[in-house]
Each structure stands twice: as C-alpha cells, then as structure tokens.
Amino acid sequence: MKVVIVNGSPRGENSKTMHLTRAFVEGAKWTDVETIDISKINVKGCMGCFSCWTATPGKCVIKDDMPELLPKLATADVVIWSFPLYGCGFPGEMKCFMDRQLPLGMPEMKTESETGEHPLRYDLSHQRQFFISTCGFWTAQVNYDSIIKVLEHGGNRKHETFTIFCGQGELFGLDDTKEYTDQYLNIVRRAGEECATGEITPETHAALSEPIFPKEVYESFANASW
C-alpha cells in the first residue's frame, strides 16, 4: 500500500493539521508513506498553456519540481491531502500544487458529462483520497462549504474520497489542552483503522464532528490569545 501525504500547510512540520494526519496513518497501520511538504518544494503556478495536453502530452513544460512529483500522485494507492483552512479555502501554495495536476488529465471532454468533465490519463480507479483539515473556527460546519463544493465538482470525484474536517485546530500541540486533543486524536486513529479495511463508520463520523470544547469556551480561549 503506497501512501502519499501532501502537507499543504505553510508551517511545514509544525502544521497543526499534521497531528491529525499522523494519527490517521498510525490507525491505518500504513508503513510505505511519503510526505510531500508544500513549504519545501519549488512549484510555480500553472500558466494555462495546455502544452501538457498538446505539445508534450502528460508532461508539464515548466521547469520546477512538479514533473518529479506527478508520478508519485499517479502511482499512489492512497493520497492524503493535509491542510489548514485559509479564507474558507485551500492555502494558496496547495491550490497551486493542485492546479498543476493538469497533465494527469486528457483534453477531450466526456460527452456524457453535464459539466464538461475531463477523463484521467491514468487509471486511478483503485486510488483512495483523504482530505484532512483543521480550522480556527469552533466548528467545521458551514466553514468547509467551499471545499466540499470543490470536491463534489472537481476531478477528485473520480476517486473514492473521504474527509475529516475539524474545528478548533489551534488547540493541537498545546500542553494545556493535550488531555482533550489526545481524546480527539484517538478517534482519528480509529477512523484510520476503519478506513484501512473499509470506511469510516457513522458512529466515528459523529464523534469526529463533535467539538473539542463548547463554542463559548473555545471562543473565550481564542479571544484571550490575542
């Protein structure tokens, strides 16, 4: 089982979200794991030239790290997108990385698609994708609506996709709240264990959706930190 983690946090190894991602992988007991750290790679923005569809099919003409990284995504059994919520969307560097997946697609649109979907250049029907994210709000509800829309409409609907969206992300890694965040991370480990052989159960989904602290308590902590 080849697993690729895309750490989309500008904080790199200090990412709060990676606390959840590491717990998820521990629970799944995956060992062949490689992490692509967005903060450490050289990936420029897509130019929209479509050379990867015409002049050099499947290969981007931009000279940076992306041509080396694309095959890792195309051959992975599991891709975990780990990121903090920025402005109710993906962090800019991660969005750039995602845009540069264009060479994985084909130019001809699927005629049976109502929205103009492009088929993939590779058979990724076996691949599973997980989106794990934390945000600074007290709840993930509503705040991830734009991300959910991207996942529903974007190319990831070709894959088996799972999500773990967690509010109160700034609590992870703090000594004062470790007792409570460790309890949540144990639930994330359970989710990983379940996903290794199937999918997250409704009971675990419900537990993941529960806030670590009540709204009033968390927001008082957050406001005091400023």
C-alpha atoms as a PDB file:
ATOM      1  CA  MET A   1       0.000   0.000   0.000  1.00  0.00           C
ATOM      2  CA  LYS A   2       1.770   3.137  -1.233  1.00  0.00           C
ATOM      3  CA  VAL A   3       0.650   6.263   0.617  1.00  0.00           C
ATOM      4  CA  VAL A   4       1.482   9.868  -0.305  1.00  0.00           C
ATOM      5  CA  ILE A   5       0.735  12.695   2.137  1.00  0.00           C
ATOM      6  CA  VAL A   6       0.571  16.206   0.691  1.00  0.00           C
ATOM      7  CA  ASN A   7       1.247  18.547   3.612  1.00  0.00           C
ATOM      8  CA  GLY A   8      -0.295  21.786   2.393  1.00  0.00           C
ATOM      9  CA  SER A   9       0.476  23.850   5.480  1.00  0.00           C
ATOM     10  CA  PRO A  10       2.893  26.779   5.120  1.00  0.00           C
ATOM     11  CA  ARG A  11       4.015  25.852   8.648  1.00  0.00           C
ATOM     12  CA  GLY A  12       5.519  22.640   7.308  1.00  0.00           C
ATOM     13  CA  GLU A  13       6.387  20.172  10.067  1.00  0.00           C
ATOM     14  CA  ASN A  14       4.773  22.490  12.633  1.00  0.00           C
ATOM     15  CA  SER A  15       1.381  22.078  10.989  1.00  0.00           C
ATOM     16  CA  LYS A  16      -1.477  21.601  13.464  1.00  0.00           C
ATOM     17  CA  THR A  17      -3.348  19.506  10.908  1.00  0.00           C
ATOM     18  CA  MET A  18      -0.470  17.037  10.679  1.00  0.00           C
ATOM     19  CA  HIS A  19      -1.270  15.944  14.247  1.00  0.00           C
ATOM     20  CA  LEU A  20      -4.498  14.503  12.824  1.00  0.00           C
ATOM     21  CA  THR A  21      -2.868  13.150   9.682  1.00  0.00           C
ATOM     22  CA  ARG A  22      -0.179  11.277  11.608  1.00  0.00           C
ATOM     23  CA  ALA A  23      -2.810   9.818  13.958  1.00  0.00           C
ATOM     24  CA  PHE A  24      -4.894   8.693  10.965  1.00  0.00           C
ATOM     25  CA  VAL A  25      -1.925   6.921   9.357  1.00  0.00           C
ATOM     26  CA  GLU A  26      -0.998   5.306  12.695  1.00  0.00           C
ATOM     27  CA  GLY A  27      -4.517   3.937  12.997  1.00  0.00           C
ATOM     28  CA  ALA A  28      -4.444   2.570   9.454  1.00  0.00           C
ATOM     29  CA  LYS A  29      -1.010   0.989  10.114  1.00  0.00           C
ATOM     30  CA  TRP A  30       0.285   2.096   6.715  1.00  0.00           C
ATOM     31  CA  THR A  31       4.084   1.936   6.574  1.00  0.00           C
ATOM     32  CA  ASP A  32       5.015   2.815   2.975  1.00  0.00           C
ATOM     33  CA  VAL A  33       4.353   6.528   3.453  1.00  0.00           C
ATOM     34  CA  GLU A  34       5.978   9.513   1.724  1.00  0.00           C
ATOM     35  CA  THR A  35       5.240  13.142   2.605  1.00  0.00           C
ATOM     36  CA  ILE A  36       5.369  15.956   0.065  1.00  0.00           C
ATOM     37  CA  ASP A  37       5.864  19.140   2.076  1.00  0.00           C
ATOM     38  CA  ILE A  38       4.487  22.078   0.089  1.00  0.00           C
ATOM     39  CA  SER A  39       6.603  24.531   2.098  1.00  0.00           C
ATOM     40  CA  LYS A  40       9.825  22.859   0.924  1.00  0.00           C
ATOM     41  CA  ILE A  41       9.255  22.318  -2.795  1.00  0.00           C
ATOM     42  CA  ASN A  42       9.575  24.561  -5.828  1.00  0.00           C
ATOM     43  CA  VAL A  43       6.246  24.580  -7.665  1.00  0.00           C
ATOM     44  CA  LYS A  44       5.272  27.537  -9.845  1.00  0.00           C
ATOM     45  CA  GLY A  45       1.750  28.499 -10.860  1.00  0.00           C
ATOM     46  CA  CYS A  46       0.050  26.865 -13.847  1.00  0.00           C
ATOM     47  CA  MET A  47       0.336  29.061 -16.971  1.00  0.00           C
ATOM     48  CA  GLY A  48      -2.745  27.604 -18.634  1.00  0.00           C
ATOM     49  CA  CYS A  49      -0.742  26.934 -21.814  1.00  0.00           C
ATOM     50  CA  PHE A  50      -2.130  23.379 -22.163  1.00  0.00           C
ATOM     51  CA  SER A  51       1.179  22.132 -23.543  1.00  0.00           C
ATOM     52  CA  CYS A  52       0.713  19.098 -21.284  1.00  0.00           C
ATOM     53  CA  TRP A  53      -2.307  18.231 -23.441  1.00  0.00           C
ATOM     54  CA  THR A  54      -0.857  19.087 -26.847  1.00  0.00           C
ATOM     55  CA  ALA A  55       2.889  19.571 -27.380  1.00  0.00           C
ATOM     56  CA  THR A  56       4.097  17.301 -24.550  1.00  0.00           C
ATOM     57  CA  PRO A  57       1.147  15.054 -23.589  1.00  0.00           C
ATOM     58  CA  GLY A  58       1.224  14.188 -19.903  1.00  0.00           C
ATOM     59  CA  LYS A  59       4.275  16.346 -19.174  1.00  0.00           C
ATOM     60  CA  CYS A  60       4.393  19.939 -17.951  1.00  0.00           C
ATOM     61  CA  VAL A  61       6.843  22.298 -19.669  1.00  0.00           C
ATOM     62  CA  ILE A  62       7.509  24.339 -16.511  1.00  0.00           C
ATOM     63  CA  LYS A  63      10.949  23.610 -15.107  1.00  0.00           C
ATOM     64  CA  ASP A  64      10.412  23.043 -11.396  1.00  0.00           C
ATOM     65  CA  ASP A  65       9.765  20.119  -9.026  1.00  0.00           C
ATOM     66  CA  MET A  66       6.317  19.173 -10.338  1.00  0.00           C
ATOM     67  CA  PRO A  67       7.389  16.765 -13.130  1.00  0.00           C
ATOM     68  CA  GLU A  68       9.123  14.659 -10.464  1.00  0.00           C
ATOM     69  CA  LEU A  69       6.154  14.799  -8.084  1.00  0.00           C
ATOM     70  CA  LEU A  70       3.305  13.998 -10.503  1.00  0.00           C
ATOM     71  CA  PRO A  71       4.270  10.320 -10.913  1.00  0.00           C
ATOM     72  CA  LYS A  72       4.145   9.924  -7.137  1.00  0.00           C
ATOM     73  CA  LEU A  73       0.490  11.037  -7.169  1.00  0.00           C
ATOM     74  CA  ALA A  74      -0.341   8.885 -10.187  1.00  0.00           C
ATOM     75  CA  THR A  75       1.095   5.682  -8.695  1.00  0.00           C
ATOM     76  CA  ALA A  76      -0.118   6.059  -5.106  1.00  0.00           C
ATOM     77  CA  ASP A  77      -2.778   3.774  -3.683  1.00  0.00           C
ATOM     78  CA  VAL A  78      -3.706   6.437  -1.127  1.00  0.00           C
ATOM     79  CA  VAL A  79      -3.290  10.228  -1.312  1.00  0.00           C
ATOM     80  CA  ILE A  80      -3.877  12.223   1.863  1.00  0.00           C
ATOM     81  CA  TRP A  81      -4.346  15.975   1.407  1.00  0.00           C
ATOM     82  CA  SER A  82      -3.497  17.545   4.774  1.00  0.00           C
ATOM     83  CA  PHE A  83      -4.095  21.283   5.111  1.00  0.00           C
ATOM     84  CA  PRO A  84      -5.371  24.142   7.285  1.00  0.00           C
ATOM     85  CA  LEU A  85      -8.405  26.103   6.121  1.00  0.00           C
ATOM     86  CA  TYR A  86      -7.333  29.512   4.767  1.00  0.00           C
ATOM     87  CA  GLY A  87     -10.039  32.024   3.933  1.00  0.00           C
ATOM     88  CA  CYS A  88     -12.576  29.173   3.746  1.00  0.00           C
ATOM     89  CA  GLY A  89     -10.444  27.555   1.033  1.00  0.00           C
ATOM     90  CA  PHE A  90      -7.163  25.774   0.356  1.00  0.00           C
ATOM     91  CA  PRO A  91      -3.875  27.502   1.261  1.00  0.00           C
ATOM     92  CA  GLY A  92      -2.512  29.310  -1.807  1.00  0.00           C
ATOM     93  CA  GLU A  93       0.573  27.122  -2.245  1.00  0.00           C
ATOM     94  CA  MET A  94      -1.524  23.962  -2.038  1.00  0.00           C
ATOM     95  CA  LYS A  95      -4.083  25.275  -4.541  1.00  0.00           C
ATOM     96  CA  CYS A  96      -1.186  25.973  -6.906  1.00  0.00           C
ATOM     97  CA  PHE A  97       0.036  22.385  -6.435  1.00  0.00           C
ATOM     98  CA  MET A  98      -3.439  21.034  -7.134  1.00  0.00           C
ATOM     99  CA  ASP A  99      -3.767  23.135 -10.298  1.00  0.00           C
ATOM    100  CA  ARG A 100      -0.542  21.640 -11.598  1.00  0.00           C
ATOM    101  CA  GLN A 101      -2.154  18.185 -11.738  1.00  0.00           C
ATOM    102  CA  LEU A 102      -3.489  19.162 -15.178  1.00  0.00           C
ATOM    103  CA  PRO A 103      -1.077  16.776 -17.001  1.00  0.00           C
ATOM    104  CA  LEU A 104      -2.867  13.864 -15.305  1.00  0.00           C
ATOM    105  CA  GLY A 105      -5.965  14.688 -17.365  1.00  0.00           C
ATOM    106  CA  MET A 106      -6.885  14.362 -21.037  1.00  0.00           C
ATOM    107  CA  PRO A 107      -8.074  17.225 -23.297  1.00  0.00           C
ATOM    108  CA  GLU A 108     -11.204  15.562 -24.694  1.00  0.00           C
ATOM    109  CA  MET A 109     -14.297  16.152 -22.588  1.00  0.00           C
ATOM    110  CA  LYS A 110     -16.554  13.272 -21.645  1.00  0.00           C
ATOM    111  CA  THR A 111     -19.664  13.636 -23.790  1.00  0.00           C
ATOM    112  CA  GLU A 112     -21.809  12.007 -21.102  1.00  0.00           C
ATOM    113  CA  SER A 113     -20.747  14.614 -18.522  1.00  0.00           C
ATOM    114  CA  GLU A 114     -23.139  17.504 -17.891  1.00  0.00           C
ATOM    115  CA  THR A 115     -20.341  19.779 -16.664  1.00  0.00           C
ATOM    116  CA  GLY A 116     -17.570  19.071 -19.176  1.00  0.00           C
ATOM    117  CA  GLU A 117     -15.550  16.581 -17.167  1.00  0.00           C
ATOM    118  CA  HIS A 118     -12.136  15.535 -18.486  1.00  0.00           C
ATOM    119  CA  PRO A 119     -11.055  11.873 -18.220  1.00  0.00           C
ATOM    120  CA  LEU A 120      -7.821  10.958 -16.485  1.00  0.00           C
ATOM    121  CA  ARG A 121      -4.728   9.910 -18.400  1.00  0.00           C
ATOM    122  CA  TYR A 122      -4.155   7.096 -15.882  1.00  0.00           C
ATOM    123  CA  ASP A 123      -6.425   4.501 -14.350  1.00  0.00           C
ATOM    124  CA  LEU A 124      -6.796   5.699 -10.776  1.00  0.00           C
ATOM    125  CA  SER A 125      -9.953   3.766 -10.032  1.00  0.00           C
ATOM    126  CA  HIS A 126      -8.074   1.920  -7.271  1.00  0.00           C
ATOM    127  CA  GLN A 127      -6.863   5.107  -5.602  1.00  0.00           C
ATOM    128  CA  ARG A 128      -8.390   6.436  -2.393  1.00  0.00           C
ATOM    129  CA  GLN A 129      -8.097  10.101  -1.457  1.00  0.00           C
ATOM    130  CA  PHE A 130      -8.470  11.567   2.026  1.00  0.00           C
ATOM    131  CA  PHE A 131      -8.836  15.251   2.853  1.00  0.00           C
ATOM    132  CA  ILE A 132      -7.861  16.047   6.442  1.00  0.00           C
ATOM    133  CA  SER A 133      -8.072  19.635   7.624  1.00  0.00           C
ATOM    134  CA  THR A 134      -8.309  21.824  10.702  1.00  0.00           C
ATOM    135  CA  CYS A 135      -9.583  25.380  11.017  1.00  0.00           C
ATOM    136  CA  GLY A 136      -9.546  28.082  13.682  1.00  0.00           C
ATOM    137  CA  PHE A 137     -13.328  28.289  13.984  1.00  0.00           C
ATOM    138  CA  TRP A 138     -15.112  26.473  16.804  1.00  0.00           C
ATOM    139  CA  THR A 139     -16.828  24.158  14.292  1.00  0.00           C
ATOM    140  CA  ALA A 140     -16.170  22.770  10.829  1.00  0.00           C
ATOM    141  CA  GLN A 141     -19.859  23.098   9.943  1.00  0.00           C
ATOM    142  CA  VAL A 142     -20.556  25.621   7.142  1.00  0.00           C
ATOM    143  CA  ASN A 143     -16.936  26.800   7.154  1.00  0.00           C
ATOM    144  CA  TYR A 144     -15.936  23.995   4.758  1.00  0.00           C
ATOM    145  CA  ASP A 145     -18.781  24.507   2.287  1.00  0.00           C
ATOM    146  CA  SER A 146     -16.469  25.891  -0.417  1.00  0.00           C
ATOM    147  CA  ILE A 147     -14.037  22.978  -0.007  1.00  0.00           C
ATOM    148  CA  ILE A 148     -16.892  20.478  -0.234  1.00  0.00           C
ATOM    149  CA  LYS A 149     -18.095  22.136  -3.456  1.00  0.00           C
ATOM    150  CA  VAL A 150     -14.625  21.768  -4.994  1.00  0.00           C
ATOM    151  CA  LEU A 151     -14.514  18.088  -4.059  1.00  0.00           C
ATOM    152  CA  GLU A 152     -18.008  17.479  -5.419  1.00  0.00           C
ATOM    153  CA  HIS A 153     -17.315  19.233  -8.718  1.00  0.00           C
ATOM    154  CA  GLY A 154     -13.596  18.675  -9.222  1.00  0.00           C
ATOM    155  CA  GLY A 155     -11.568  15.786 -10.532  1.00  0.00           C
ATOM    156  CA  ASN A 156     -11.463  14.058  -7.161  1.00  0.00           C
ATOM    157  CA  ARG A 157     -14.945  12.649  -7.727  1.00  0.00           C
ATOM    158  CA  LYS A 158     -13.202  10.071  -9.940  1.00  0.00           C
ATOM    159  CA  HIS A 159     -11.683   8.612  -6.792  1.00  0.00           C
ATOM    160  CA  GLU A 160     -13.009   7.164  -3.587  1.00  0.00           C
ATOM    161  CA  THR A 161     -12.863  10.234  -1.337  1.00  0.00           C
ATOM    162  CA  PHE A 162     -13.124  10.643   2.443  1.00  0.00           C
ATOM    163  CA  THR A 163     -12.962  13.795   4.579  1.00  0.00           C
ATOM    164  CA  ILE A 164     -12.095  14.687   8.163  1.00  0.00           C
ATOM    165  CA  PHE A 165     -12.713  18.385   8.858  1.00  0.00           C
ATOM    166  CA  CYS A 166     -12.026  19.584  12.392  1.00  0.00           C
ATOM    167  CA  GLY A 167     -12.675  22.906  14.085  1.00  0.00           C
ATOM    168  CA  GLN A 168     -10.583  24.283  16.956  1.00  0.00           C
ATOM    169  CA  GLY A 169      -7.397  23.318  15.149  1.00  0.00           C
ATOM    170  CA  GLU A 170      -5.180  25.723  17.076  1.00  0.00           C
ATOM    171  CA  LEU A 171      -5.587  23.542  20.190  1.00  0.00           C
ATOM    172  CA  PHE A 172      -3.432  20.754  18.781  1.00  0.00           C
ATOM    173  CA  GLY A 173       0.123  20.780  20.033  1.00  0.00           C
ATOM    174  CA  LEU A 174      -0.694  22.862  23.126  1.00  0.00           C
ATOM    175  CA  ASP A 175       0.226  21.381  26.506  1.00  0.00           C
ATOM    176  CA  ASP A 176      -2.755  22.946  28.299  1.00  0.00           C
ATOM    177  CA  THR A 177      -5.308  21.181  26.099  1.00  0.00           C
ATOM    178  CA  LYS A 178      -3.433  17.932  25.436  1.00  0.00           C
ATOM    179  CA  GLU A 179      -5.824  15.827  27.530  1.00  0.00           C
ATOM    180  CA  TYR A 180      -8.715  16.855  25.279  1.00  0.00           C
ATOM    181  CA  THR A 181      -6.916  16.859  21.924  1.00  0.00           C
ATOM    182  CA  ASP A 182      -5.474  13.399  22.660  1.00  0.00           C
ATOM    183  CA  GLN A 183      -9.019  12.112  23.065  1.00  0.00           C
ATOM    184  CA  TYR A 184      -9.890  13.511  19.654  1.00  0.00           C
ATOM    185  CA  LEU A 185      -6.732  12.062  18.087  1.00  0.00           C
ATOM    186  CA  ASN A 186      -7.738   8.632  19.396  1.00  0.00           C
ATOM    187  CA  ILE A 187     -10.962   8.971  17.414  1.00  0.00           C
ATOM    188  CA  VAL A 188      -8.931   9.928  14.343  1.00  0.00           C
ATOM    189  CA  ARG A 189      -6.794   6.792  14.846  1.00  0.00           C
ATOM    190  CA  ARG A 190      -9.989   4.762  14.982  1.00  0.00           C
ATOM    191  CA  ALA A 191     -11.084   6.371  11.718  1.00  0.00           C
ATOM    192  CA  GLY A 192      -7.785   5.376  10.135  1.00  0.00           C
ATOM    193  CA  GLU A 193      -8.158   1.814  11.361  1.00  0.00           C
ATOM    194  CA  GLU A 194     -11.660   1.635   9.895  1.00  0.00           C
ATOM    195  CA  CYS A 195     -10.583   3.131   6.566  1.00  0.00           C
ATOM    196  CA  ALA A 196      -7.735   0.637   6.208  1.00  0.00           C
ATOM    197  CA  THR A 197     -10.301  -2.132   5.714  1.00  0.00           C
ATOM    198  CA  GLY A 198     -13.429  -0.235   4.702  1.00  0.00           C
ATOM    199  CA  GLU A 199     -14.760   3.196   5.510  1.00  0.00           C
ATOM    200  CA  ILE A 200     -15.418   5.420   8.492  1.00  0.00           C
ATOM    201  CA  THR A 201     -18.482   4.232  10.379  1.00  0.00           C
ATOM    202  CA  PRO A 202     -21.381   6.619  11.110  1.00  0.00           C
ATOM    203  CA  GLU A 203     -20.536   6.402  14.816  1.00  0.00           C
ATOM    204  CA  THR A 204     -16.950   7.518  14.232  1.00  0.00           C
ATOM    205  CA  HIS A 205     -18.078  10.240  11.828  1.00  0.00           C
ATOM    206  CA  ALA A 206     -20.404  11.560  14.526  1.00  0.00           C
ATOM    207  CA  ALA A 207     -17.598  11.528  17.105  1.00  0.00           C
ATOM    208  CA  LEU A 208     -15.270  13.396  14.729  1.00  0.00           C
ATOM    209  CA  SER A 209     -17.940  16.065  14.267  1.00  0.00           C
ATOM    210  CA  GLU A 210     -18.226  16.775  17.987  1.00  0.00           C
ATOM    211  CA  PRO A 211     -16.374  19.965  19.048  1.00  0.00           C
ATOM    212  CA  ILE A 212     -13.477  19.516  21.456  1.00  0.00           C
ATOM    213  CA  PHE A 213     -14.788  22.350  23.647  1.00  0.00           C
ATOM    214  CA  PRO A 214     -18.206  24.060  23.651  1.00  0.00           C
ATOM    215  CA  LYS A 215     -18.450  27.157  21.459  1.00  0.00           C
ATOM    216  CA  GLU A 216     -18.356  29.654  24.330  1.00  0.00           C
ATOM    217  CA  VAL A 217     -15.331  28.032  25.974  1.00  0.00           C
ATOM    218  CA  TYR A 218     -13.269  27.755  22.791  1.00  0.00           C
ATOM    219  CA  GLU A 219     -14.033  31.281  21.616  1.00  0.00           C
ATOM    220  CA  SER A 220     -13.094  32.692  25.026  1.00  0.00           C
ATOM    221  CA  PHE A 221      -9.734  30.877  24.753  1.00  0.00           C
ATOM    222  CA  ALA A 222      -9.226  32.128  21.202  1.00  0.00           C
ATOM    223  CA  ASN A 223     -10.073  35.738  22.026  1.00  0.00           C
ATOM    224  CA  ALA A 224      -7.820  35.744  25.089  1.00  0.00           C
ATOM    225  CA  SER A 225      -4.875  34.574  22.957  1.00  0.00           C
ATOM    226  CA  TRP A 226      -4.933  37.857  21.045  1.00  0.00           C
END
